[in-house]
Amino acid sequence: MLHTRNHQRRGAIRIRQLNAARQSGVALVVVLLFLVAITGISVWTARQSMLSESMARNQMDQEAARQAAESALRDAERDIDNAPLGALMSNASCARNTAVTDNYGLNPSDFTSDCAKGLCLKDDASYSATNWDTATSSNTGVAEPWWPTSKGGLWNDDPDTKPGRSPVTSANCDTFTGGVPLGTYTGVPPIKGVAKQPEYMIEVFRRKHVRINLDETRVTSTGDKANQWSIMYRITARGFGYSQRTQVVLQTVFFP
């Protein structure tokens, strides 16, 4: 009888040991599953944080490029308004020295097909023939001046052929073509932090009946009479962000 009881006791102990082992195994599996879940959540959170940071950085970069382009637009307007003065502005690299027949704006005869000094000329018939699909770096006949260089545009991305801004130098004032670096003719200081200073181009158009209505007898703000030819300018500005790959192009029509 004693032997039977001892045998039963030993059997019960083995059963408890086996149950404990099974429970330990289940607990280990549960703990491992929790660790995997926590690790997955941590990795996902880290990736989301990095993605949000990247999006915020890209947004800041885009905004910096947009503000730089806005600055170039305003600089071009000052360039047009100051041109008749014919004087070298403080801290400017070059002076327009343009002979104008009126007391405002740029001289239309200074505009050329190669955008010399940032002044671009393209006849109306050529504008109607522009085609983005067929434009290439070598096929400039179907491109507008402000298009990218790869599409036949005339920006001229070689800074060594343009007037210096930092430091200020008058080199290439009479020979450069393409976009005008910020402050070249106005003396506006360079923008800090951007990969490249913004630039602008100016195109000239002659139109009749511009801004004419029942209450207005003037074509432009300078007092031209109705039914006369009016000169307007299309300004295209290109700004860069903290990376030169981030670019924003803005365009406006300006009446002097």
C-alpha atoms as a PDB file:
ATOM      1  CA  MET A   1       0.000   0.000   0.000  1.00  0.00           C
ATOM      2  CA  LEU A   2       2.848   2.396   0.867  1.00  0.00           C
ATOM      3  CA  HIS A   3       4.563   1.618  -2.435  1.00  0.00           C
ATOM      4  CA  THR A   4       1.383   2.421  -4.337  1.00  0.00           C
ATOM      5  CA  ARG A   5       1.032   5.748  -2.578  1.00  0.00           C
ATOM      6  CA  ASN A   6       4.630   6.701  -3.290  1.00  0.00           C
ATOM      7  CA  HIS A   7       4.149   5.789  -6.935  1.00  0.00           C
ATOM      8  CA  GLN A   8       1.018   7.912  -7.143  1.00  0.00           C
ATOM      9  CA  ARG A   9       2.813  10.776  -5.415  1.00  0.00           C
ATOM     10  CA  ARG A  10       5.701  10.598  -7.866  1.00  0.00           C
ATOM     11  CA  GLY A  11       3.220  10.480 -10.746  1.00  0.00           C
ATOM     12  CA  ALA A  12       1.439  13.579  -9.483  1.00  0.00           C
ATOM     13  CA  ILE A  13       4.758  15.393  -9.153  1.00  0.00           C
ATOM     14  CA  ARG A  14       5.667  14.515 -12.750  1.00  0.00           C
ATOM     15  CA  ILE A  15       2.284  15.747 -13.953  1.00  0.00           C
ATOM     16  CA  ARG A  16       2.762  19.037 -12.103  1.00  0.00           C
ATOM     17  CA  GLN A  17       6.251  19.384 -13.556  1.00  0.00           C
ATOM     18  CA  LEU A  18       4.953  18.726 -17.062  1.00  0.00           C
ATOM     19  CA  ASN A  19       2.140  21.228 -16.590  1.00  0.00           C
ATOM     20  CA  ALA A  20       4.606  23.795 -15.277  1.00  0.00           C
ATOM     21  CA  ALA A  21       6.846  23.203 -18.296  1.00  0.00           C
ATOM     22  CA  ARG A  22       3.923  23.588 -20.638  1.00  0.00           C
ATOM     23  CA  GLN A  23       2.865  26.798 -18.893  1.00  0.00           C
ATOM     24  CA  SER A  24       6.417  28.138 -19.089  1.00  0.00           C
ATOM     25  CA  GLY A  25       6.485  27.356 -22.813  1.00  0.00           C
ATOM     26  CA  VAL A  26       3.168  29.132 -23.400  1.00  0.00           C
ATOM     27  CA  ALA A  27       4.320  32.133 -21.371  1.00  0.00           C
ATOM     28  CA  LEU A  28       7.517  32.307 -23.425  1.00  0.00           C
ATOM     29  CA  VAL A  29       5.532  32.285 -26.671  1.00  0.00           C
ATOM     30  CA  VAL A  30       3.211  35.019 -25.364  1.00  0.00           C
ATOM     31  CA  VAL A  31       6.162  37.150 -24.271  1.00  0.00           C
ATOM     32  CA  LEU A  32       7.830  36.711 -27.655  1.00  0.00           C
ATOM     33  CA  LEU A  33       4.606  37.714 -29.424  1.00  0.00           C
ATOM     34  CA  PHE A  34       4.382  40.823 -27.268  1.00  0.00           C
ATOM     35  CA  LEU A  35       8.010  41.676 -28.050  1.00  0.00           C
ATOM     36  CA  VAL A  36       7.379  41.268 -31.778  1.00  0.00           C
ATOM     37  CA  ALA A  37       4.272  43.467 -31.559  1.00  0.00           C
ATOM     38  CA  ILE A  38       6.069  46.158 -29.548  1.00  0.00           C
ATOM     39  CA  THR A  39       9.016  46.076 -31.958  1.00  0.00           C
ATOM     40  CA  GLY A  40       6.683  46.422 -34.953  1.00  0.00           C
ATOM     41  CA  ILE A  41       4.846  49.348 -33.366  1.00  0.00           C
ATOM     42  CA  SER A  42       8.162  51.026 -32.499  1.00  0.00           C
ATOM     43  CA  VAL A  43       9.493  50.618 -36.043  1.00  0.00           C
ATOM     44  CA  TRP A  44       6.231  51.951 -37.532  1.00  0.00           C
ATOM     45  CA  THR A  45       6.278  54.935 -35.172  1.00  0.00           C
ATOM     46  CA  ALA A  46       9.889  55.711 -36.046  1.00  0.00           C
ATOM     47  CA  ARG A  47       9.148  55.518 -39.774  1.00  0.00           C
ATOM     48  CA  GLN A  48       6.116  57.771 -39.397  1.00  0.00           C
ATOM     49  CA  SER A  49       8.211  60.259 -37.468  1.00  0.00           C
ATOM     50  CA  MET A  50      10.914  60.220 -40.136  1.00  0.00           C
ATOM     51  CA  LEU A  51       8.292  60.578 -42.884  1.00  0.00           C
ATOM     52  CA  SER A  52       6.692  63.556 -41.131  1.00  0.00           C
ATOM     53  CA  GLU A  53      10.093  65.154 -40.646  1.00  0.00           C
ATOM     54  CA  SER A  54      10.936  64.600 -44.314  1.00  0.00           C
ATOM     55  CA  MET A  55       7.604  66.081 -45.411  1.00  0.00           C
ATOM     56  CA  ALA A  56       8.121  69.104 -43.177  1.00  0.00           C
ATOM     57  CA  ARG A  57      11.644  69.575 -44.522  1.00  0.00           C
ATOM     58  CA  ASN A  58      10.422  69.342 -48.116  1.00  0.00           C
ATOM     59  CA  GLN A  59       7.662  71.831 -47.380  1.00  0.00           C
ATOM     60  CA  MET A  60      10.151  74.271 -45.873  1.00  0.00           C
ATOM     61  CA  ASP A  61      12.435  73.796 -48.866  1.00  0.00           C
ATOM     62  CA  GLN A  62       9.552  74.452 -51.267  1.00  0.00           C
ATOM     63  CA  GLU A  63       8.489  77.544 -49.329  1.00  0.00           C
ATOM     64  CA  ALA A  64      12.038  78.920 -49.351  1.00  0.00           C
ATOM     65  CA  ALA A  65      12.165  78.491 -53.140  1.00  0.00           C
ATOM     66  CA  ARG A  66       8.777  80.182 -53.550  1.00  0.00           C
ATOM     67  CA  GLN A  67       9.782  83.176 -51.452  1.00  0.00           C
ATOM     68  CA  ALA A  68      13.048  83.453 -53.383  1.00  0.00           C
ATOM     69  CA  ALA A  69      11.084  83.511 -56.656  1.00  0.00           C
ATOM     70  CA  GLU A  70       8.777  86.197 -55.218  1.00  0.00           C
ATOM     71  CA  SER A  71      11.844  88.281 -54.368  1.00  0.00           C
ATOM     72  CA  ALA A  72      13.091  87.942 -57.938  1.00  0.00           C
ATOM     73  CA  LEU A  73       9.714  89.102 -59.303  1.00  0.00           C
ATOM     74  CA  ARG A  74       9.835  92.250 -57.163  1.00  0.00           C
ATOM     75  CA  ASP A  75      13.477  92.793 -58.144  1.00  0.00           C
ATOM     76  CA  ALA A  76      12.551  92.661 -61.849  1.00  0.00           C
ATOM     77  CA  GLU A  77       9.844  95.273 -61.306  1.00  0.00           C
ATOM     78  CA  ARG A  78      12.372  97.560 -59.636  1.00  0.00           C
ATOM     79  CA  ASP A  79      14.745  96.901 -62.522  1.00  0.00           C
ATOM     80  CA  ILE A  80      12.096  98.071 -65.014  1.00  0.00           C
ATOM     81  CA  ASP A  81      11.161 101.138 -62.970  1.00  0.00           C
ATOM     82  CA  ASN A  82      14.782 102.176 -62.385  1.00  0.00           C
ATOM     83  CA  ALA A  83      15.976 101.614 -65.958  1.00  0.00           C
ATOM     84  CA  PRO A  84      15.276 105.176 -67.193  1.00  0.00           C
ATOM     85  CA  LEU A  85      17.569 106.562 -64.491  1.00  0.00           C
ATOM     86  CA  GLY A  86      20.544 105.031 -66.278  1.00  0.00           C
ATOM     87  CA  ALA A  87      22.607 105.081 -63.083  1.00  0.00           C
ATOM     88  CA  LEU A  88      24.442 102.374 -61.196  1.00  0.00           C
ATOM     89  CA  MET A  89      22.461 101.632 -58.052  1.00  0.00           C
ATOM     90  CA  SER A  90      24.203 101.197 -54.730  1.00  0.00           C
ATOM     91  CA  ASN A  91      25.647  97.681 -54.397  1.00  0.00           C
ATOM     92  CA  ALA A  92      24.457  96.763 -57.919  1.00  0.00           C
ATOM     93  CA  SER A  93      26.726  94.926 -60.344  1.00  0.00           C
ATOM     94  CA  CYS A  94      25.512  96.604 -63.541  1.00  0.00           C
ATOM     95  CA  ALA A  95      23.503  99.562 -64.834  1.00  0.00           C
ATOM     96  CA  ARG A  96      20.970  99.378 -67.638  1.00  0.00           C
ATOM     97  CA  ASN A  97      22.167 102.580 -69.350  1.00  0.00           C
ATOM     98  CA  THR A  98      19.217 102.213 -71.683  1.00  0.00           C
ATOM     99  CA  ALA A  99      18.117 105.062 -73.910  1.00  0.00           C
ATOM    100  CA  VAL A 100      14.358 105.270 -73.526  1.00  0.00           C
ATOM    101  CA  THR A 101      12.060 107.489 -75.519  1.00  0.00           C
ATOM    102  CA  ASP A 102       9.670 107.863 -72.584  1.00  0.00           C
ATOM    103  CA  ASN A 103      10.322 108.448 -68.916  1.00  0.00           C
ATOM    104  CA  TYR A 104       9.408 104.932 -67.805  1.00  0.00           C
ATOM    105  CA  GLY A 105      10.219 101.288 -68.515  1.00  0.00           C
ATOM    106  CA  LEU A 106      12.802  99.614 -70.679  1.00  0.00           C
ATOM    107  CA  ASN A 107      13.574 100.357 -74.298  1.00  0.00           C
ATOM    108  CA  PRO A 108      11.914  97.681 -76.493  1.00  0.00           C
ATOM    109  CA  SER A 109      14.892  97.819 -78.848  1.00  0.00           C
ATOM    110  CA  ASP A 110      17.093  96.423 -76.066  1.00  0.00           C
ATOM    111  CA  PHE A 111      15.254  93.087 -76.129  1.00  0.00           C
ATOM    112  CA  THR A 112      16.903  90.329 -78.160  1.00  0.00           C
ATOM    113  CA  SER A 113      16.142  86.769 -79.200  1.00  0.00           C
ATOM    114  CA  ASP A 114      18.998  85.374 -77.068  1.00  0.00           C
ATOM    115  CA  CYS A 115      17.812  87.158 -73.899  1.00  0.00           C
ATOM    116  CA  ALA A 116      20.864  89.392 -73.638  1.00  0.00           C
ATOM    117  CA  LYS A 117      20.997  90.924 -70.139  1.00  0.00           C
ATOM    118  CA  GLY A 118      17.803  89.069 -69.294  1.00  0.00           C
ATOM    119  CA  LEU A 119      15.669  90.907 -71.879  1.00  0.00           C
ATOM    120  CA  CYS A 120      13.925  88.431 -74.172  1.00  0.00           C
ATOM    121  CA  LEU A 121      12.280  89.106 -77.528  1.00  0.00           C
ATOM    122  CA  LYS A 122      10.010  86.648 -79.318  1.00  0.00           C
ATOM    123  CA  ASP A 123       7.522  87.644 -81.999  1.00  0.00           C
ATOM    124  CA  ASP A 124       3.848  86.778 -81.667  1.00  0.00           C
ATOM    125  CA  ALA A 125       3.928  84.293 -84.554  1.00  0.00           C
ATOM    126  CA  SER A 126       6.656  82.315 -82.806  1.00  0.00           C
ATOM    127  CA  TYR A 127       4.639  82.210 -79.593  1.00  0.00           C
ATOM    128  CA  SER A 128       1.760  80.568 -81.427  1.00  0.00           C
ATOM    129  CA  ALA A 129       4.158  77.863 -82.671  1.00  0.00           C
ATOM    130  CA  THR A 130       5.473  76.885 -79.239  1.00  0.00           C
ATOM    131  CA  ASN A 131       5.131  73.209 -78.449  1.00  0.00           C
ATOM    132  CA  TRP A 132       6.317  71.652 -75.207  1.00  0.00           C
ATOM    133  CA  ASP A 133       6.208  68.120 -76.625  1.00  0.00           C
ATOM    134  CA  THR A 134       8.649  68.797 -79.463  1.00  0.00           C
ATOM    135  CA  ALA A 135      10.890  71.280 -77.657  1.00  0.00           C
ATOM    136  CA  THR A 136      14.423  70.094 -76.897  1.00  0.00           C
ATOM    137  CA  SER A 137      17.715  71.673 -75.896  1.00  0.00           C
ATOM    138  CA  SER A 138      18.620  71.982 -79.578  1.00  0.00           C
ATOM    139  CA  ASN A 139      15.138  72.821 -80.889  1.00  0.00           C
ATOM    140  CA  THR A 140      14.702  76.326 -79.493  1.00  0.00           C
ATOM    141  CA  GLY A 141      12.331  77.434 -82.241  1.00  0.00           C
ATOM    142  CA  VAL A 142       9.319  75.870 -80.524  1.00  0.00           C
ATOM    143  CA  ALA A 143      10.296  76.897 -76.993  1.00  0.00           C
ATOM    144  CA  GLU A 144       9.528  79.971 -74.944  1.00  0.00           C
ATOM    145  CA  PRO A 145      12.496  81.756 -73.329  1.00  0.00           C
ATOM    146  CA  TRP A 146      11.517  80.877 -69.750  1.00  0.00           C
ATOM    147  CA  TRP A 147      11.261  77.126 -70.355  1.00  0.00           C
ATOM    148  CA  PRO A 148      13.989  74.866 -68.884  1.00  0.00           C
ATOM    149  CA  THR A 149      17.248  74.639 -70.786  1.00  0.00           C
ATOM    150  CA  SER A 150      16.488  70.978 -71.535  1.00  0.00           C
ATOM    151  CA  LYS A 151      13.367  72.167 -73.377  1.00  0.00           C
ATOM    152  CA  GLY A 152      15.097  74.889 -75.363  1.00  0.00           C
ATOM    153  CA  GLY A 153      14.734  77.629 -72.747  1.00  0.00           C
ATOM    154  CA  LEU A 154      17.301  80.406 -72.429  1.00  0.00           C
ATOM    155  CA  TRP A 155      17.998  80.603 -68.691  1.00  0.00           C
ATOM    156  CA  ASN A 156      21.756  80.005 -69.070  1.00  0.00           C
ATOM    157  CA  ASP A 157      22.735  78.087 -65.927  1.00  0.00           C
ATOM    158  CA  ASP A 158      26.444  78.954 -66.097  1.00  0.00           C
ATOM    159  CA  PRO A 159      27.115  81.461 -63.276  1.00  0.00           C
ATOM    160  CA  ASP A 160      30.636  82.154 -64.557  1.00  0.00           C
ATOM    161  CA  THR A 161      29.197  83.995 -67.575  1.00  0.00           C
ATOM    162  CA  LYS A 162      27.080  86.369 -65.434  1.00  0.00           C
ATOM    163  CA  PRO A 163      27.829  89.401 -63.248  1.00  0.00           C
ATOM    164  CA  GLY A 164      29.106  88.575 -59.781  1.00  0.00           C
ATOM    165  CA  ARG A 165      26.908  89.178 -56.741  1.00  0.00           C
ATOM    166  CA  SER A 166      28.972  87.729 -53.902  1.00  0.00           C
ATOM    167  CA  PRO A 167      31.307  89.524 -54.105  1.00  0.00           C
ATOM    168  CA  VAL A 168      29.834  92.235 -56.319  1.00  0.00           C
ATOM    169  CA  THR A 169      31.659  92.524 -59.647  1.00  0.00           C
ATOM    170  CA  SER A 170      30.844  94.181 -62.965  1.00  0.00           C
ATOM    171  CA  ALA A 171      32.301  91.327 -65.005  1.00  0.00           C
ATOM    172  CA  ASN A 172      30.137  90.150 -67.924  1.00  0.00           C
ATOM    173  CA  CYS A 173      27.671  93.045 -67.578  1.00  0.00           C
ATOM    174  CA  ASP A 174      27.698  93.696 -71.312  1.00  0.00           C
ATOM    175  CA  THR A 175      27.916  90.118 -72.516  1.00  0.00           C
ATOM    176  CA  PHE A 176      25.800  87.846 -70.347  1.00  0.00           C
ATOM    177  CA  THR A 177      22.568  86.234 -71.537  1.00  0.00           C
ATOM    178  CA  GLY A 178      19.727  84.449 -69.803  1.00  0.00           C
ATOM    179  CA  GLY A 179      18.390  84.882 -66.273  1.00  0.00           C
ATOM    180  CA  VAL A 180      19.389  87.953 -64.267  1.00  0.00           C
ATOM    181  CA  PRO A 181      20.718  87.146 -60.777  1.00  0.00           C
ATOM    182  CA  LEU A 182      18.917  88.884 -57.915  1.00  0.00           C
ATOM    183  CA  GLY A 183      20.187  92.421 -57.332  1.00  0.00           C
ATOM    184  CA  THR A 184      22.289  92.676 -60.493  1.00  0.00           C
ATOM    185  CA  TYR A 185      20.659  95.989 -61.479  1.00  0.00           C
ATOM    186  CA  THR A 186      19.050  97.017 -58.188  1.00  0.00           C
ATOM    187  CA  GLY A 187      21.668  96.226 -55.554  1.00  0.00           C
ATOM    188  CA  VAL A 188      19.369  93.970 -53.536  1.00  0.00           C
ATOM    189  CA  PRO A 189      21.550  91.824 -51.239  1.00  0.00           C
ATOM    190  CA  PRO A 190      21.756  88.054 -51.804  1.00  0.00           C
ATOM    191  CA  ILE A 191      19.308  85.747 -50.023  1.00  0.00           C
ATOM    192  CA  LYS A 192      20.999  83.697 -47.334  1.00  0.00           C
ATOM    193  CA  GLY A 193      20.576  79.957 -46.988  1.00  0.00           C
ATOM    194  CA  VAL A 194      19.394  79.074 -50.488  1.00  0.00           C
ATOM    195  CA  ALA A 195      21.413  76.817 -52.785  1.00  0.00           C
ATOM    196  CA  LYS A 196      21.438  79.393 -55.595  1.00  0.00           C
ATOM    197  CA  GLN A 197      20.305  82.978 -55.929  1.00  0.00           C
ATOM    198  CA  PRO A 198      16.979  83.488 -57.725  1.00  0.00           C
ATOM    199  CA  GLU A 199      16.909  84.857 -61.268  1.00  0.00           C
ATOM    200  CA  TYR A 200      14.426  86.517 -63.569  1.00  0.00           C
ATOM    201  CA  MET A 201      13.750  87.115 -67.255  1.00  0.00           C
ATOM    202  CA  ILE A 202      11.738  89.919 -68.828  1.00  0.00           C
ATOM    203  CA  GLU A 203       9.770  89.630 -72.077  1.00  0.00           C
ATOM    204  CA  VAL A 204       8.225  92.609 -73.856  1.00  0.00           C
ATOM    205  CA  PHE A 205       4.821  92.806 -75.554  1.00  0.00           C
ATOM    206  CA  ARG A 206       3.058  95.608 -77.434  1.00  0.00           C
ATOM    207  CA  ARG A 207      -0.724  95.587 -77.261  1.00  0.00           C
ATOM    208  CA  LYS A 208      -3.673  97.881 -77.855  1.00  0.00           C
ATOM    209  CA  HIS A 209      -6.713  98.455 -75.668  1.00  0.00           C
ATOM    210  CA  VAL A 210      -5.016  97.162 -72.568  1.00  0.00           C
ATOM    211  CA  ARG A 211      -7.064  97.629 -69.384  1.00  0.00           C
ATOM    212  CA  ILE A 212      -9.627  99.795 -71.189  1.00  0.00           C
ATOM    213  CA  ASN A 213     -13.222  99.907 -69.914  1.00  0.00           C
ATOM    214  CA  LEU A 214     -16.157 102.327 -69.593  1.00  0.00           C
ATOM    215  CA  ASP A 215     -14.712 104.072 -66.560  1.00  0.00           C
ATOM    216  CA  GLU A 216     -11.098 104.150 -67.673  1.00  0.00           C
ATOM    217  CA  THR A 217      -9.726 106.214 -70.561  1.00  0.00           C
ATOM    218  CA  ARG A 218      -6.104 105.257 -70.057  1.00  0.00           C
ATOM    219  CA  VAL A 219      -4.350 102.205 -71.364  1.00  0.00           C
ATOM    220  CA  THR A 220      -1.669 102.098 -68.663  1.00  0.00           C
ATOM    221  CA  SER A 221      -1.029 103.846 -65.414  1.00  0.00           C
ATOM    222  CA  THR A 222       1.417 106.210 -67.117  1.00  0.00           C
ATOM    223  CA  GLY A 223      -1.266 108.142 -68.968  1.00  0.00           C
ATOM    224  CA  ASP A 224      -1.302 106.723 -72.490  1.00  0.00           C
ATOM    225  CA  LYS A 225      -4.517 107.490 -74.317  1.00  0.00           C
ATOM    226  CA  ALA A 226      -6.962 104.858 -75.443  1.00  0.00           C
ATOM    227  CA  ASN A 227      -6.313 103.055 -78.738  1.00  0.00           C
ATOM    228  CA  GLN A 228      -2.564 103.616 -78.519  1.00  0.00           C
ATOM    229  CA  TRP A 229       0.031 100.917 -78.420  1.00  0.00           C
ATOM    230  CA  SER A 230       0.895  99.917 -74.884  1.00  0.00           C
ATOM    231  CA  ILE A 231       4.065  98.238 -73.676  1.00  0.00           C
ATOM    232  CA  MET A 232       3.816  95.522 -71.057  1.00  0.00           C
ATOM    233  CA  TYR A 233       6.340  93.113 -69.648  1.00  0.00           C
ATOM    234  CA  ARG A 234       6.033  89.475 -68.690  1.00  0.00           C
ATOM    235  CA  ILE A 235       8.376  88.629 -65.847  1.00  0.00           C
ATOM    236  CA  THR A 236       9.361  85.040 -65.111  1.00  0.00           C
ATOM    237  CA  ALA A 237      11.272  84.324 -61.902  1.00  0.00           C
ATOM    238  CA  ARG A 238      12.950  81.118 -60.797  1.00  0.00           C
ATOM    239  CA  GLY A 239      13.734  80.543 -57.121  1.00  0.00           C
ATOM    240  CA  PHE A 240      15.779  77.815 -55.453  1.00  0.00           C
ATOM    241  CA  GLY A 241      15.402  76.226 -52.033  1.00  0.00           C
ATOM    242  CA  TYR A 242      17.990  74.792 -49.684  1.00  0.00           C
ATOM    243  CA  SER A 243      18.662  72.245 -52.419  1.00  0.00           C
ATOM    244  CA  GLN A 244      19.234  73.331 -56.000  1.00  0.00           C
ATOM    245  CA  ARG A 245      16.920  70.516 -57.075  1.00  0.00           C
ATOM    246  CA  THR A 246      14.026  72.370 -55.439  1.00  0.00           C
ATOM    247  CA  GLN A 247      12.848  75.066 -57.844  1.00  0.00           C
ATOM    248  CA  VAL A 248       9.769  77.267 -58.074  1.00  0.00           C
ATOM    249  CA  VAL A 249       8.897  79.295 -61.186  1.00  0.00           C
ATOM    250  CA  LEU A 250       6.535  82.279 -60.883  1.00  0.00           C
ATOM    251  CA  GLN A 251       5.280  84.572 -63.605  1.00  0.00           C
ATOM    252  CA  THR A 252       3.503  87.909 -63.731  1.00  0.00           C
ATOM    253  CA  VAL A 253       2.580  90.643 -66.233  1.00  0.00           C
ATOM    254  CA  PHE A 254       3.838  94.088 -65.248  1.00  0.00           C
ATOM    255  CA  PHE A 255       2.746  97.527 -66.416  1.00  0.00           C
ATOM    256  CA  PRO A 256       5.301 100.276 -65.630  1.00  0.00           C
END
